[in-house]
Amino acid sequence: TEIFENEDGDMWYKSKISYASVDEKSGKEKKVSNQILVLASNVKDA
């Protein structure tokens, strides 16, 4: 869903994030997961 490029990075890292979202029809809260690709130097930098 997102790609974060970084000119100092040398390795692509795949990340999974999640957040809560409210379903408009039912009004219930649901968990949404997205994958992000980030170019970084190490895991902490990512």
PDB file of all heavy atoms in Angstrom:
ATOM      1  N   THR A   1       0.824  -1.208   0.000  1.00  0.00           N
ATOM      2  CA  THR A   1       0.000   0.000   0.000  1.00  0.00           C
ATOM      3  C   THR A   1       0.861   1.262   0.000  1.00  0.00           C
ATOM      4  O   THR A   1       0.409   2.310  -0.441  1.00  0.00           O
ATOM      5  CB  THR A   1      -0.949   0.038   1.221  1.00  0.00           C
ATOM      6  OG1 THR A   1      -0.178  -0.112   2.407  1.00  0.00           O
ATOM      7  CG2 THR A   1      -1.983  -1.064   1.125  1.00  0.00           C
ATOM      8  N   GLU A   2       2.072   1.144   0.490  1.00  0.00           N
ATOM      9  CA  GLU A   2       2.995   2.286   0.527  1.00  0.00           C
ATOM     10  C   GLU A   2       4.401   1.802   0.216  1.00  0.00           C
ATOM     11  O   GLU A   2       4.775   0.682   0.568  1.00  0.00           O
ATOM     12  CB  GLU A   2       3.015   2.949   1.912  1.00  0.00           C
ATOM     13  CG  GLU A   2       1.735   3.614   2.327  1.00  0.00           C
ATOM     14  CD  GLU A   2       1.502   4.945   1.642  1.00  0.00           C
ATOM     15  OE1 GLU A   2       2.470   5.546   1.139  1.00  0.00           O
ATOM     16  OE2 GLU A   2       0.341   5.381   1.626  1.00  0.00           O
ATOM     17  N   ILE A   3       5.187   2.689  -0.414  1.00  0.00           N
ATOM     18  CA  ILE A   3       6.600   2.428  -0.636  1.00  0.00           C
ATOM     19  C   ILE A   3       7.352   3.661  -0.159  1.00  0.00           C
ATOM     20  O   ILE A   3       7.085   4.772  -0.628  1.00  0.00           O
ATOM     21  CB  ILE A   3       6.908   2.155  -2.120  1.00  0.00           C
ATOM     22  CG1 ILE A   3       6.179   0.894  -2.569  1.00  0.00           C
ATOM     23  CG2 ILE A   3       8.410   2.021  -2.336  1.00  0.00           C
ATOM     24  CD1 ILE A   3       6.335   0.583  -4.029  1.00  0.00           C
ATOM     25  N   PHE A   4       8.253   3.455   0.796  1.00  0.00           N
ATOM     26  CA  PHE A   4       9.051   4.547   1.321  1.00  0.00           C
ATOM     27  C   PHE A   4      10.488   4.367   0.839  1.00  0.00           C
ATOM     28  O   PHE A   4      11.177   3.438   1.270  1.00  0.00           O
ATOM     29  CB  PHE A   4       9.007   4.594   2.850  1.00  0.00           C
ATOM     30  CG  PHE A   4       7.630   4.810   3.415  1.00  0.00           C
ATOM     31  CD1 PHE A   4       7.139   3.998   4.418  1.00  0.00           C
ATOM     32  CD2 PHE A   4       6.815   5.826   2.937  1.00  0.00           C
ATOM     33  CE1 PHE A   4       5.876   4.191   4.946  1.00  0.00           C
ATOM     34  CE2 PHE A   4       5.546   6.028   3.458  1.00  0.00           C
ATOM     35  CZ  PHE A   4       5.074   5.211   4.470  1.00  0.00           C
ATOM     36  N   GLU A   5      10.902   5.244  -0.060  1.00  0.00           N
ATOM     37  CA  GLU A   5      12.269   5.189  -0.567  1.00  0.00           C
ATOM     38  C   GLU A   5      13.148   6.094   0.288  1.00  0.00           C
ATOM     39  O   GLU A   5      12.695   7.101   0.812  1.00  0.00           O
ATOM     40  CB  GLU A   5      12.315   5.619  -2.025  1.00  0.00           C
ATOM     41  CG  GLU A   5      11.605   4.644  -2.946  1.00  0.00           C
ATOM     42  CD  GLU A   5      11.791   4.974  -4.401  1.00  0.00           C
ATOM     43  OE1 GLU A   5      12.900   4.717  -4.912  1.00  0.00           O
ATOM     44  OE2 GLU A   5      10.841   5.478  -5.004  1.00  0.00           O
ATOM     45  N   ASN A   6      14.413   5.724   0.391  1.00  0.00           N
ATOM     46  CA  ASN A   6      15.361   6.446   1.217  1.00  0.00           C
ATOM     47  C   ASN A   6      16.714   6.333   0.522  1.00  0.00           C
ATOM     48  O   ASN A   6      17.212   5.232   0.340  1.00  0.00           O
ATOM     49  CB  ASN A   6      15.385   5.799   2.615  1.00  0.00           C
ATOM     50  CG  ASN A   6      16.522   6.268   3.464  1.00  0.00           C
ATOM     51  OD1 ASN A   6      17.084   7.335   3.249  1.00  0.00           O
ATOM     52  ND2 ASN A   6      16.882   5.470   4.444  1.00  0.00           N
ATOM     53  N   GLU A   7      17.272   7.453   0.124  1.00  0.00           N
ATOM     54  CA  GLU A   7      18.533   7.401  -0.641  1.00  0.00           C
ATOM     55  C   GLU A   7      19.694   6.823   0.163  1.00  0.00           C
ATOM     56  O   GLU A   7      20.676   6.366  -0.410  1.00  0.00           O
ATOM     57  CB  GLU A   7      18.886   8.771  -1.204  1.00  0.00           C
ATOM     58  CG  GLU A   7      19.003   9.866  -0.169  1.00  0.00           C
ATOM     59  CD  GLU A   7      19.102  11.251  -0.783  1.00  0.00           C
ATOM     60  OE1 GLU A   7      18.319  11.550  -1.691  1.00  0.00           O
ATOM     61  OE2 GLU A   7      19.973  12.007  -0.336  1.00  0.00           O
ATOM     62  N   ASP A   8      19.610   6.816   1.489  1.00  0.00           N
ATOM     63  CA  ASP A   8      20.675   6.245   2.311  1.00  0.00           C
ATOM     64  C   ASP A   8      20.516   4.737   2.498  1.00  0.00           C
ATOM     65  O   ASP A   8      21.433   4.074   2.968  1.00  0.00           O
ATOM     66  CB  ASP A   8      20.698   6.918   3.691  1.00  0.00           C
ATOM     67  CG  ASP A   8      21.013   8.403   3.588  1.00  0.00           C
ATOM     68  OD1 ASP A   8      21.730   8.782   2.639  1.00  0.00           O
ATOM     69  OD2 ASP A   8      20.535   9.168   4.441  1.00  0.00           O
ATOM     70  N   GLY A   9      19.353   4.196   2.158  1.00  0.00           N
ATOM     71  CA  GLY A   9      19.089   2.775   2.366  1.00  0.00           C
ATOM     72  C   GLY A   9      19.748   1.903   1.313  1.00  0.00           C
ATOM     73  O   GLY A   9      20.002   2.334   0.191  1.00  0.00           O
ATOM     74  N   ASP A  10      20.011   0.655   1.693  1.00  0.00           N
ATOM     75  CA  ASP A  10      20.626  -0.274   0.752  1.00  0.00           C
ATOM     76  C   ASP A  10      19.910  -1.624   0.703  1.00  0.00           C
ATOM     77  O   ASP A  10      20.311  -2.503  -0.044  1.00  0.00           O
ATOM     78  CB  ASP A  10      22.108  -0.480   1.079  1.00  0.00           C
ATOM     79  CG  ASP A  10      22.340  -0.939   2.507  1.00  0.00           C
ATOM     80  OD1 ASP A  10      21.373  -1.083   3.261  1.00  0.00           O
ATOM     81  OD2 ASP A  10      23.511  -1.159   2.870  1.00  0.00           O
ATOM     82  N   MET A  11      18.841  -1.794   1.481  1.00  0.00           N
ATOM     83  CA  MET A  11      18.097  -3.052   1.526  1.00  0.00           C
ATOM     84  C   MET A  11      16.607  -2.727   1.625  1.00  0.00           C
ATOM     85  O   MET A  11      16.214  -1.822   2.350  1.00  0.00           O
ATOM     86  CB  MET A  11      18.538  -3.869   2.745  1.00  0.00           C
ATOM     87  CG  MET A  11      17.714  -5.092   3.035  1.00  0.00           C
ATOM     88  SD  MET A  11      17.900  -6.405   1.854  1.00  0.00           S
ATOM     89  CE  MET A  11      19.418  -7.116   2.378  1.00  0.00           C
ATOM     90  N   TRP A  12      15.813  -3.471   0.853  1.00  0.00           N
ATOM     91  CA  TRP A  12      14.360  -3.302   0.934  1.00  0.00           C
ATOM     92  C   TRP A  12      13.820  -4.175   2.055  1.00  0.00           C
ATOM     93  O   TRP A  12      14.162  -5.354   2.159  1.00  0.00           O
ATOM     94  CB  TRP A  12      13.702  -3.675  -0.386  1.00  0.00           C
ATOM     95  CG  TRP A  12      13.915  -2.660  -1.455  1.00  0.00           C
ATOM     96  CD1 TRP A  12      14.838  -2.711  -2.455  1.00  0.00           C
ATOM     97  CD2 TRP A  12      13.204  -1.436  -1.633  1.00  0.00           C
ATOM     98  NE1 TRP A  12      14.739  -1.585  -3.243  1.00  0.00           N
ATOM     99  CE2 TRP A  12      13.744  -0.795  -2.768  1.00  0.00           C
ATOM    100  CE3 TRP A  12      12.169  -0.812  -0.955  1.00  0.00           C
ATOM    101  CZ2 TRP A  12      13.282   0.429  -3.229  1.00  0.00           C
ATOM    102  CZ3 TRP A  12      11.695   0.411  -1.411  1.00  0.00           C
ATOM    103  CH2 TRP A  12      12.257   1.018  -2.529  1.00  0.00           C
ATOM    104  N   TYR A  13      12.964  -3.590   2.899  1.00  0.00           N
ATOM    105  CA  TYR A  13      12.337  -4.302   3.996  1.00  0.00           C
ATOM    106  C   TYR A  13      10.825  -4.299   3.799  1.00  0.00           C
ATOM    107  O   TYR A  13      10.229  -3.272   3.453  1.00  0.00           O
ATOM    108  CB  TYR A  13      12.680  -3.650   5.348  1.00  0.00           C
ATOM    109  CG  TYR A  13      14.118  -3.837   5.734  1.00  0.00           C
ATOM    110  CD1 TYR A  13      15.085  -2.922   5.335  1.00  0.00           C
ATOM    111  CD2 TYR A  13      14.515  -4.938   6.483  1.00  0.00           C
ATOM    112  CE1 TYR A  13      16.420  -3.100   5.673  1.00  0.00           C
ATOM    113  CE2 TYR A  13      15.844  -5.117   6.830  1.00  0.00           C
ATOM    114  CZ  TYR A  13      16.786  -4.201   6.422  1.00  0.00           C
ATOM    115  OH  TYR A  13      18.106  -4.376   6.759  1.00  0.00           O
ATOM    116  N   LYS A  14      10.235  -5.454   4.022  1.00  0.00           N
ATOM    117  CA  LYS A  14       8.788  -5.622   3.926  1.00  0.00           C
ATOM    118  C   LYS A  14       8.231  -5.508   5.337  1.00  0.00           C
ATOM    119  O   LYS A  14       8.760  -6.112   6.268  1.00  0.00           O
ATOM    120  CB  LYS A  14       8.522  -7.004   3.335  1.00  0.00           C
ATOM    121  CG  LYS A  14       7.100  -7.351   3.099  1.00  0.00           C
ATOM    122  CD  LYS A  14       7.080  -8.644   2.283  1.00  0.00           C
ATOM    123  CE  LYS A  14       5.976  -9.549   2.659  1.00  0.00           C
ATOM    124  NZ  LYS A  14       5.921 -10.729   1.799  1.00  0.00           N
ATOM    125  N   SER A  15       7.186  -4.734   5.484  1.00  0.00           N
ATOM    126  CA  SER A  15       6.611  -4.514   6.801  1.00  0.00           C
ATOM    127  C   SER A  15       5.099  -4.708   6.755  1.00  0.00           C
ATOM    128  O   SER A  15       4.462  -4.418   5.745  1.00  0.00           O
ATOM    129  CB  SER A  15       6.926  -3.085   7.261  1.00  0.00           C
ATOM    130  OG  SER A  15       6.239  -2.785   8.439  1.00  0.00           O
ATOM    131  N   LYS A  16       4.563  -5.185   7.852  1.00  0.00           N
ATOM    132  CA  LYS A  16       3.112  -5.328   7.971  1.00  0.00           C
ATOM    133  C   LYS A  16       2.666  -4.435   9.126  1.00  0.00           C
ATOM    134  O   LYS A  16       3.187  -4.543  10.235  1.00  0.00           O
ATOM    135  CB  LYS A  16       2.743  -6.780   8.255  1.00  0.00           C
ATOM    136  CG  LYS A  16       1.255  -7.017   8.351  1.00  0.00           C
ATOM    137  CD  LYS A  16       0.963  -8.493   8.567  1.00  0.00           C
ATOM    138  CE  LYS A  16      -0.515  -8.724   8.726  1.00  0.00           C
ATOM    139  NZ  LYS A  16      -0.805 -10.137   9.006  1.00  0.00           N
ATOM    140  N   ILE A  17       1.737  -3.535   8.822  1.00  0.00           N
ATOM    141  CA  ILE A  17       1.185  -2.680   9.878  1.00  0.00           C
ATOM    142  C   ILE A  17      -0.304  -2.986  10.000  1.00  0.00           C
ATOM    143  O   ILE A  17      -0.926  -3.466   9.057  1.00  0.00           O
ATOM    144  CB  ILE A  17       1.399  -1.174   9.604  1.00  0.00           C
ATOM    145  CG1 ILE A  17       0.601  -0.696   8.397  1.00  0.00           C
ATOM    146  CG2 ILE A  17       2.873  -0.847   9.452  1.00  0.00           C
ATOM    147  CD1 ILE A  17       0.397   0.791   8.374  1.00  0.00           C
ATOM    148  N   SER A  18      -0.868  -2.690  11.151  1.00  0.00           N
ATOM    149  CA  SER A  18      -2.305  -2.866  11.354  1.00  0.00           C
ATOM    150  C   SER A  18      -2.848  -1.705  12.169  1.00  0.00           C
ATOM    151  O   SER A  18      -2.131  -1.069  12.940  1.00  0.00           O
ATOM    152  CB  SER A  18      -2.595  -4.201  12.045  1.00  0.00           C
ATOM    153  OG  SER A  18      -2.007  -4.235  13.316  1.00  0.00           O
ATOM    154  N   TYR A  19      -4.114  -1.440  11.922  1.00  0.00           N
ATOM    155  CA  TYR A  19      -4.804  -0.381  12.658  1.00  0.00           C
ATOM    156  C   TYR A  19      -6.288  -0.709  12.706  1.00  0.00           C
ATOM    157  O   TYR A  19      -6.789  -1.543  11.938  1.00  0.00           O
ATOM    158  CB  TYR A  19      -4.560   0.997  12.031  1.00  0.00           C
ATOM    159  CG  TYR A  19      -4.952   1.099  10.576  1.00  0.00           C
ATOM    160  CD1 TYR A  19      -6.219   1.518  10.195  1.00  0.00           C
ATOM    161  CD2 TYR A  19      -4.039   0.784   9.572  1.00  0.00           C
ATOM    162  CE1 TYR A  19      -6.577   1.600   8.857  1.00  0.00           C
ATOM    163  CE2 TYR A  19      -4.383   0.865   8.240  1.00  0.00           C
ATOM    164  CZ  TYR A  19      -5.651   1.280   7.887  1.00  0.00           C
ATOM    165  OH  TYR A  19      -6.000   1.360   6.566  1.00  0.00           O
ATOM    166  N   ALA A  20      -6.994  -0.072  13.612  1.00  0.00           N
ATOM    167  CA  ALA A  20      -8.431  -0.304  13.766  1.00  0.00           C
ATOM    168  C   ALA A  20      -9.201   0.667  12.875  1.00  0.00           C
ATOM    169  O   ALA A  20      -8.847   1.833  12.754  1.00  0.00           O
ATOM    170  CB  ALA A  20      -8.834  -0.125  15.216  1.00  0.00           C
ATOM    171  N   SER A  21     -10.252   0.150  12.241  1.00  0.00           N
ATOM    172  CA  SER A  21     -11.106   0.959  11.381  1.00  0.00           C
ATOM    173  C   SER A  21     -12.552   0.603  11.685  1.00  0.00           C
ATOM    174  O   SER A  21     -12.856  -0.535  12.057  1.00  0.00           O
ATOM    175  CB  SER A  21     -10.787   0.656   9.910  1.00  0.00           C
ATOM    176  OG  SER A  21     -11.658   1.356   9.068  1.00  0.00           O
ATOM    177  N   VAL A  22     -13.444   1.553  11.514  1.00  0.00           N
ATOM    178  CA  VAL A  22     -14.859   1.316  11.778  1.00  0.00           C
ATOM    179  C   VAL A  22     -15.567   1.048  10.461  1.00  0.00           C
ATOM    180  O   VAL A  22     -15.456   1.820   9.510  1.00  0.00           O
ATOM    181  CB  VAL A  22     -15.503   2.527  12.502  1.00  0.00           C
ATOM    182  CG1 VAL A  22     -16.987   2.301  12.719  1.00  0.00           C
ATOM    183  CG2 VAL A  22     -14.800   2.786  13.824  1.00  0.00           C
ATOM    184  N   ASP A  23     -16.300  -0.083  10.402  1.00  0.00           N
ATOM    185  CA  ASP A  23     -17.090  -0.431   9.227  1.00  0.00           C
ATOM    186  C   ASP A  23     -18.295   0.505   9.173  1.00  0.00           C
ATOM    187  O   ASP A  23     -19.075   0.583  10.128  1.00  0.00           O
ATOM    188  CB  ASP A  23     -17.538  -1.894   9.318  1.00  0.00           C
ATOM    189  CG  ASP A  23     -18.264  -2.361   8.078  1.00  0.00           C
ATOM    190  OD1 ASP A  23     -18.340  -1.591   7.099  1.00  0.00           O
ATOM    191  OD2 ASP A  23     -18.762  -3.513   8.089  1.00  0.00           O
ATOM    192  N   GLU A  24     -18.440   1.229   8.057  1.00  0.00           N
ATOM    193  CA  GLU A  24     -19.506   2.230   7.937  1.00  0.00           C
ATOM    194  C   GLU A  24     -20.909   1.619   8.000  1.00  0.00           C
ATOM    195  O   GLU A  24     -21.818   2.211   8.564  1.00  0.00           O
ATOM    196  CB  GLU A  24     -19.336   3.014   6.636  1.00  0.00           C
ATOM    197  CG  GLU A  24     -18.126   3.892   6.625  1.00  0.00           C
ATOM    198  CD  GLU A  24     -17.975   4.641   5.319  1.00  0.00           C
ATOM    199  OE1 GLU A  24     -18.950   4.738   4.559  1.00  0.00           O
ATOM    200  OE2 GLU A  24     -16.864   5.146   5.082  1.00  0.00           O
ATOM    201  N   LYS A  25     -21.099   0.437   7.436  1.00  0.00           N
ATOM    202  CA  LYS A  25     -22.430  -0.186   7.400  1.00  0.00           C
ATOM    203  C   LYS A  25     -22.849  -0.739   8.756  1.00  0.00           C
ATOM    204  O   LYS A  25     -23.943  -0.467   9.231  1.00  0.00           O
ATOM    205  CB  LYS A  25     -22.462  -1.299   6.360  1.00  0.00           C
ATOM    206  CG  LYS A  25     -22.352  -0.791   4.939  1.00  0.00           C
ATOM    207  CD  LYS A  25     -22.391  -1.930   3.948  1.00  0.00           C
ATOM    208  CE  LYS A  25     -22.223  -1.397   2.544  1.00  0.00           C
ATOM    209  NZ  LYS A  25     -22.174  -2.464   1.546  1.00  0.00           N
ATOM    210  N   SER A  26     -21.971  -1.524   9.367  1.00  0.00           N
ATOM    211  CA  SER A  26     -22.346  -2.184  10.622  1.00  0.00           C
ATOM    212  C   SER A  26     -21.973  -1.363  11.856  1.00  0.00           C
ATOM    213  O   SER A  26     -22.523  -1.593  12.929  1.00  0.00           O
ATOM    214  CB  SER A  26     -21.683  -3.560  10.713  1.00  0.00           C
ATOM    215  OG  SER A  26     -20.283  -3.416  10.819  1.00  0.00           O
ATOM    216  N   GLY A  27     -21.049  -0.414  11.702  1.00  0.00           N
ATOM    217  CA  GLY A  27     -20.607   0.380  12.842  1.00  0.00           C
ATOM    218  C   GLY A  27     -19.633  -0.355  13.748  1.00  0.00           C
ATOM    219  O   GLY A  27     -19.267   0.134  14.806  1.00  0.00           O
ATOM    220  N   LYS A  28     -19.215  -1.561  13.328  1.00  0.00           N
ATOM    221  CA  LYS A  28     -18.293  -2.349  14.144  1.00  0.00           C
ATOM    222  C   LYS A  28     -16.849  -2.013  13.786  1.00  0.00           C
ATOM    223  O   LYS A  28     -16.537  -1.672  12.659  1.00  0.00           O
ATOM    224  CB  LYS A  28     -18.533  -3.840  13.929  1.00  0.00           C
ATOM    225  CG  LYS A  28     -19.858  -4.306  14.448  1.00  0.00           C
ATOM    226  CD  LYS A  28     -20.013  -5.797  14.268  1.00  0.00           C
ATOM    227  CE  LYS A  28     -21.358  -6.257  14.799  1.00  0.00           C
ATOM    228  NZ  LYS A  28     -21.533  -7.708  14.631  1.00  0.00           N
ATOM    229  N   GLU A  29     -16.002  -2.158  14.795  1.00  0.00           N
ATOM    230  CA  GLU A  29     -14.577  -1.917  14.591  1.00  0.00           C
ATOM    231  C   GLU A  29     -13.930  -3.180  14.010  1.00  0.00           C
ATOM    232  O   GLU A  29     -14.242  -4.290  14.440  1.00  0.00           O
ATOM    233  CB  GLU A  29     -13.922  -1.568  15.926  1.00  0.00           C
ATOM    234  CG  GLU A  29     -12.525  -1.050  15.796  1.00  0.00           C
ATOM    235  CD  GLU A  29     -11.968  -0.549  17.115  1.00  0.00           C
ATOM    236  OE1 GLU A  29     -12.370   0.527  17.564  1.00  0.00           O
ATOM    237  OE2 GLU A  29     -11.118  -1.273  17.680  1.00  0.00           O
ATOM    238  N   LYS A  30     -13.079  -2.984  13.017  1.00  0.00           N
ATOM    239  CA  LYS A  30     -12.371  -4.128  12.436  1.00  0.00           C
ATOM    240  C   LYS A  30     -10.892  -3.786  12.308  1.00  0.00           C
ATOM    241  O   LYS A  30     -10.512  -2.621  12.253  1.00  0.00           O
ATOM    242  CB  LYS A  30     -12.959  -4.513  11.078  1.00  0.00           C
ATOM    243  CG  LYS A  30     -12.814  -3.449  10.013  1.00  0.00           C
ATOM    244  CD  LYS A  30     -13.400  -3.917   8.695  1.00  0.00           C
ATOM    245  CE  LYS A  30     -13.187  -2.833   7.643  1.00  0.00           C
ATOM    246  NZ  LYS A  30     -13.633  -3.246   6.341  1.00  0.00           N
ATOM    247  N   LYS A  31     -10.075  -4.822  12.254  1.00  0.00           N
ATOM    248  CA  LYS A  31      -8.633  -4.653  12.133  1.00  0.00           C
ATOM    249  C   LYS A  31      -8.246  -4.672  10.654  1.00  0.00           C
ATOM    250  O   LYS A  31      -8.631  -5.566   9.918  1.00  0.00           O
ATOM    251  CB  LYS A  31      -7.920  -5.782  12.877  1.00  0.00           C
ATOM    252  CG  LYS A  31      -6.424  -5.659  12.918  1.00  0.00           C
ATOM    253  CD  LYS A  31      -5.820  -6.799  13.724  1.00  0.00           C
ATOM    254  CE  LYS A  31      -4.321  -6.738  13.710  1.00  0.00           C
ATOM    255  NZ  LYS A  31      -3.713  -7.810  14.502  1.00  0.00           N
ATOM    256  N   VAL A  32      -7.491  -3.663  10.216  1.00  0.00           N
ATOM    257  CA  VAL A  32      -7.029  -3.561   8.839  1.00  0.00           C
ATOM    258  C   VAL A  32      -5.519  -3.736   8.829  1.00  0.00           C
ATOM    259  O   VAL A  32      -4.821  -3.131   9.634  1.00  0.00           O
ATOM    260  CB  VAL A  32      -7.397  -2.181   8.239  1.00  0.00           C
ATOM    261  CG1 VAL A  32      -6.862  -2.047   6.831  1.00  0.00           C
ATOM    262  CG2 VAL A  32      -8.905  -1.966   8.277  1.00  0.00           C
ATOM    263  N   SER A  33      -5.037  -4.585   7.912  1.00  0.00           N
ATOM    264  CA  SER A  33      -3.592  -4.810   7.778  1.00  0.00           C
ATOM    265  C   SER A  33      -3.126  -4.337   6.415  1.00  0.00           C
ATOM    266  O   SER A  33      -3.818  -4.541   5.419  1.00  0.00           O
ATOM    267  CB  SER A  33      -3.262  -6.292   7.935  1.00  0.00           C
ATOM    268  OG  SER A  33      -3.540  -6.716   9.245  1.00  0.00           O
ATOM    269  N   ASN A  34      -1.983  -3.707   6.374  1.00  0.00           N
ATOM    270  CA  ASN A  34      -1.373  -3.243   5.129  1.00  0.00           C
ATOM    271  C   ASN A  34       0.093  -3.648   5.101  1.00  0.00           C
ATOM    272  O   ASN A  34       0.736  -3.736   6.148  1.00  0.00           O
ATOM    273  CB  ASN A  34      -1.447  -1.714   5.004  1.00  0.00           C
ATOM    274  CG  ASN A  34      -2.837  -1.223   4.741  1.00  0.00           C
ATOM    275  OD1 ASN A  34      -3.631  -1.869   4.087  1.00  0.00           O
ATOM    276  ND2 ASN A  34      -3.145  -0.043   5.264  1.00  0.00           N
ATOM    277  N   GLN A  35       0.595  -3.852   3.878  1.00  0.00           N
ATOM    278  CA  GLN A  35       2.009  -4.136   3.703  1.00  0.00           C
ATOM    279  C   GLN A  35       2.703  -2.903   3.153  1.00  0.00           C
ATOM    280  O   GLN A  35       2.183  -2.242   2.256  1.00  0.00           O
ATOM    281  CB  GLN A  35       2.217  -5.314   2.755  1.00  0.00           C
ATOM    282  CG  GLN A  35       1.817  -6.623   3.377  1.00  0.00           C
ATOM    283  CD  GLN A  35       2.279  -7.795   2.549  1.00  0.00           C
ATOM    284  OE1 GLN A  35       3.299  -7.737   1.878  1.00  0.00           O
ATOM    285  NE2 GLN A  35       1.529  -8.874   2.601  1.00  0.00           N
ATOM    286  N   ILE A  36       3.867  -2.620   3.704  1.00  0.00           N
ATOM    287  CA  ILE A  36       4.652  -1.448   3.309  1.00  0.00           C
ATOM    288  C   ILE A  36       6.052  -1.934   2.934  1.00  0.00           C
ATOM    289  O   ILE A  36       6.593  -2.830   3.579  1.00  0.00           O
ATOM    290  CB  ILE A  36       4.740  -0.426   4.466  1.00  0.00           C
ATOM    291  CG1 ILE A  36       3.356   0.127   4.774  1.00  0.00           C
ATOM    292  CG2 ILE A  36       5.712   0.691   4.142  1.00  0.00           C
ATOM    293  CD1 ILE A  36       3.298   1.007   5.992  1.00  0.00           C
ATOM    294  N   LEU A  37       6.603  -1.341   1.897  1.00  0.00           N
ATOM    295  CA  LEU A  37       7.973  -1.638   1.486  1.00  0.00           C
ATOM    296  C   LEU A  37       8.817  -0.404   1.773  1.00  0.00           C
ATOM    297  O   LEU A  37       8.431   0.708   1.404  1.00  0.00           O
ATOM    298  CB  LEU A  37       7.998  -1.974  -0.012  1.00  0.00           C
ATOM    299  CG  LEU A  37       9.272  -2.590  -0.545  1.00  0.00           C
ATOM    300  CD1 LEU A  37       9.502  -3.973   0.070  1.00  0.00           C
ATOM    301  CD2 LEU A  37       9.206  -2.714  -2.057  1.00  0.00           C
ATOM    302  N   VAL A  38       9.931  -0.597   2.467  1.00  0.00           N
ATOM    303  CA  VAL A  38      10.761   0.546   2.843  1.00  0.00           C
ATOM    304  C   VAL A  38      12.232   0.241   2.551  1.00  0.00           C
ATOM    305  O   VAL A  38      12.701  -0.866   2.807  1.00  0.00           O
ATOM    306  CB  VAL A  38      10.545   0.940   4.329  1.00  0.00           C
ATOM    307  CG1 VAL A  38      10.884  -0.192   5.265  1.00  0.00           C
ATOM    308  CG2 VAL A  38      11.315   2.177   4.709  1.00  0.00           C
ATOM    309  N   LEU A  39      12.913   1.211   1.963  1.00  0.00           N
ATOM    310  CA  LEU A  39      14.344   1.092   1.678  1.00  0.00           C
ATOM    311  C   LEU A  39      15.087   1.686   2.870  1.00  0.00           C
ATOM    312  O   LEU A  39      14.921   2.867   3.190  1.00  0.00           O
ATOM    313  CB  LEU A  39      14.690   1.853   0.389  1.00  0.00           C
ATOM    314  CG  LEU A  39      16.113   1.747  -0.127  1.00  0.00           C
ATOM    315  CD1 LEU A  39      16.476   0.299  -0.431  1.00  0.00           C
ATOM    316  CD2 LEU A  39      16.291   2.593  -1.376  1.00  0.00           C
ATOM    317  N   ALA A  40      15.886   0.851   3.530  1.00  0.00           N
ATOM    318  CA  ALA A  40      16.560   1.297   4.754  1.00  0.00           C
ATOM    319  C   ALA A  40      17.907   0.598   4.898  1.00  0.00           C
ATOM    320  O   ALA A  40      18.233  -0.317   4.159  1.00  0.00           O
ATOM    321  CB  ALA A  40      15.670   0.995   5.963  1.00  0.00           C
ATOM    322  N   SER A  41      18.675   1.057   5.891  1.00  0.00           N
ATOM    323  CA  SER A  41      20.007   0.497   6.157  1.00  0.00           C
ATOM    324  C   SER A  41      19.942  -0.759   7.016  1.00  0.00           C
ATOM    325  O   SER A  41      20.779  -1.647   6.896  1.00  0.00           O
ATOM    326  CB  SER A  41      20.879   1.529   6.863  1.00  0.00           C
ATOM    327  OG  SER A  41      20.979   2.681   6.072  1.00  0.00           O
ATOM    328  N   ASN A  42      18.961  -0.809   7.928  1.00  0.00           N
ATOM    329  CA  ASN A  42      18.793  -1.957   8.817  1.00  0.00           C
ATOM    330  C   ASN A  42      17.356  -1.957   9.337  1.00  0.00           C
ATOM    331  O   ASN A  42      16.572  -1.071   8.998  1.00  0.00           O
ATOM    332  CB  ASN A  42      19.814  -1.916   9.967  1.00  0.00           C
ATOM    333  CG  ASN A  42      19.785  -0.594  10.721  1.00  0.00           C
ATOM    334  OD1 ASN A  42      18.725  -0.080  11.056  1.00  0.00           O
ATOM    335  ND2 ASN A  42      20.960  -0.022  10.962  1.00  0.00           N
ATOM    336  N   VAL A  43      17.015  -2.915  10.181  1.00  0.00           N
ATOM    337  CA  VAL A  43      15.642  -3.044  10.675  1.00  0.00           C
ATOM    338  C   VAL A  43      15.230  -1.821  11.504  1.00  0.00           C
ATOM    339  O   VAL A  43      14.118  -1.310  11.368  1.00  0.00           O
ATOM    340  CB  VAL A  43      15.472  -4.348  11.492  1.00  0.00           C
ATOM    341  CG1 VAL A  43      14.100  -4.420  12.133  1.00  0.00           C
ATOM    342  CG2 VAL A  43      15.703  -5.564  10.613  1.00  0.00           C
ATOM    343  N   LYS A  44      16.121  -1.338  12.353  1.00  0.00           N
ATOM    344  CA  LYS A  44      15.802  -0.148  13.164  1.00  0.00           C
ATOM    345  C   LYS A  44      15.545   1.056  12.269  1.00  0.00           C
ATOM    346  O   LYS A  44      14.596   1.814  12.504  1.00  0.00           O
ATOM    347  CB  LYS A  44      16.953   0.158  14.131  1.00  0.00           C
ATOM    348  CG  LYS A  44      16.798   1.520  14.820  1.00  0.00           C
ATOM    349  CD  LYS A  44      16.907   1.466  16.276  1.00  0.00           C
ATOM    350  CE  LYS A  44      16.813   2.781  16.995  1.00  0.00           C
ATOM    351  NZ  LYS A  44      15.773   3.684  16.628  1.00  0.00           N
ATOM    352  N   ASP A  45      16.375   1.229  11.240  1.00  0.00           N
ATOM    353  CA  ASP A  45      16.183   2.325  10.295  1.00  0.00           C
ATOM    354  C   ASP A  45      14.839   2.171   9.575  1.00  0.00           C
ATOM    355  O   ASP A  45      14.121   3.144   9.372  1.00  0.00           O
ATOM    356  CB  ASP A  45      17.344   2.361   9.296  1.00  0.00           C
ATOM    357  CG  ASP A  45      17.323   3.571   8.387  1.00  0.00           C
ATOM    358  OD1 ASP A  45      16.874   4.656   8.833  1.00  0.00           O
ATOM    359  OD2 ASP A  45      17.761   3.448   7.227  1.00  0.00           O
ATOM    360  N   ALA A  46      14.478   0.943   9.195  1.00  0.00           N
ATOM    361  CA  ALA A  46      13.185   0.680   8.545  1.00  0.00           C
ATOM    362  C   ALA A  46      12.043   1.063   9.484  1.00  0.00           C
ATOM    363  O   ALA A  46      11.075   1.711   9.066  1.00  0.00           O
ATOM    364  CB  ALA A  46      13.079  -0.779   8.138  1.00  0.00           C
TER     365      ALA A  46
END
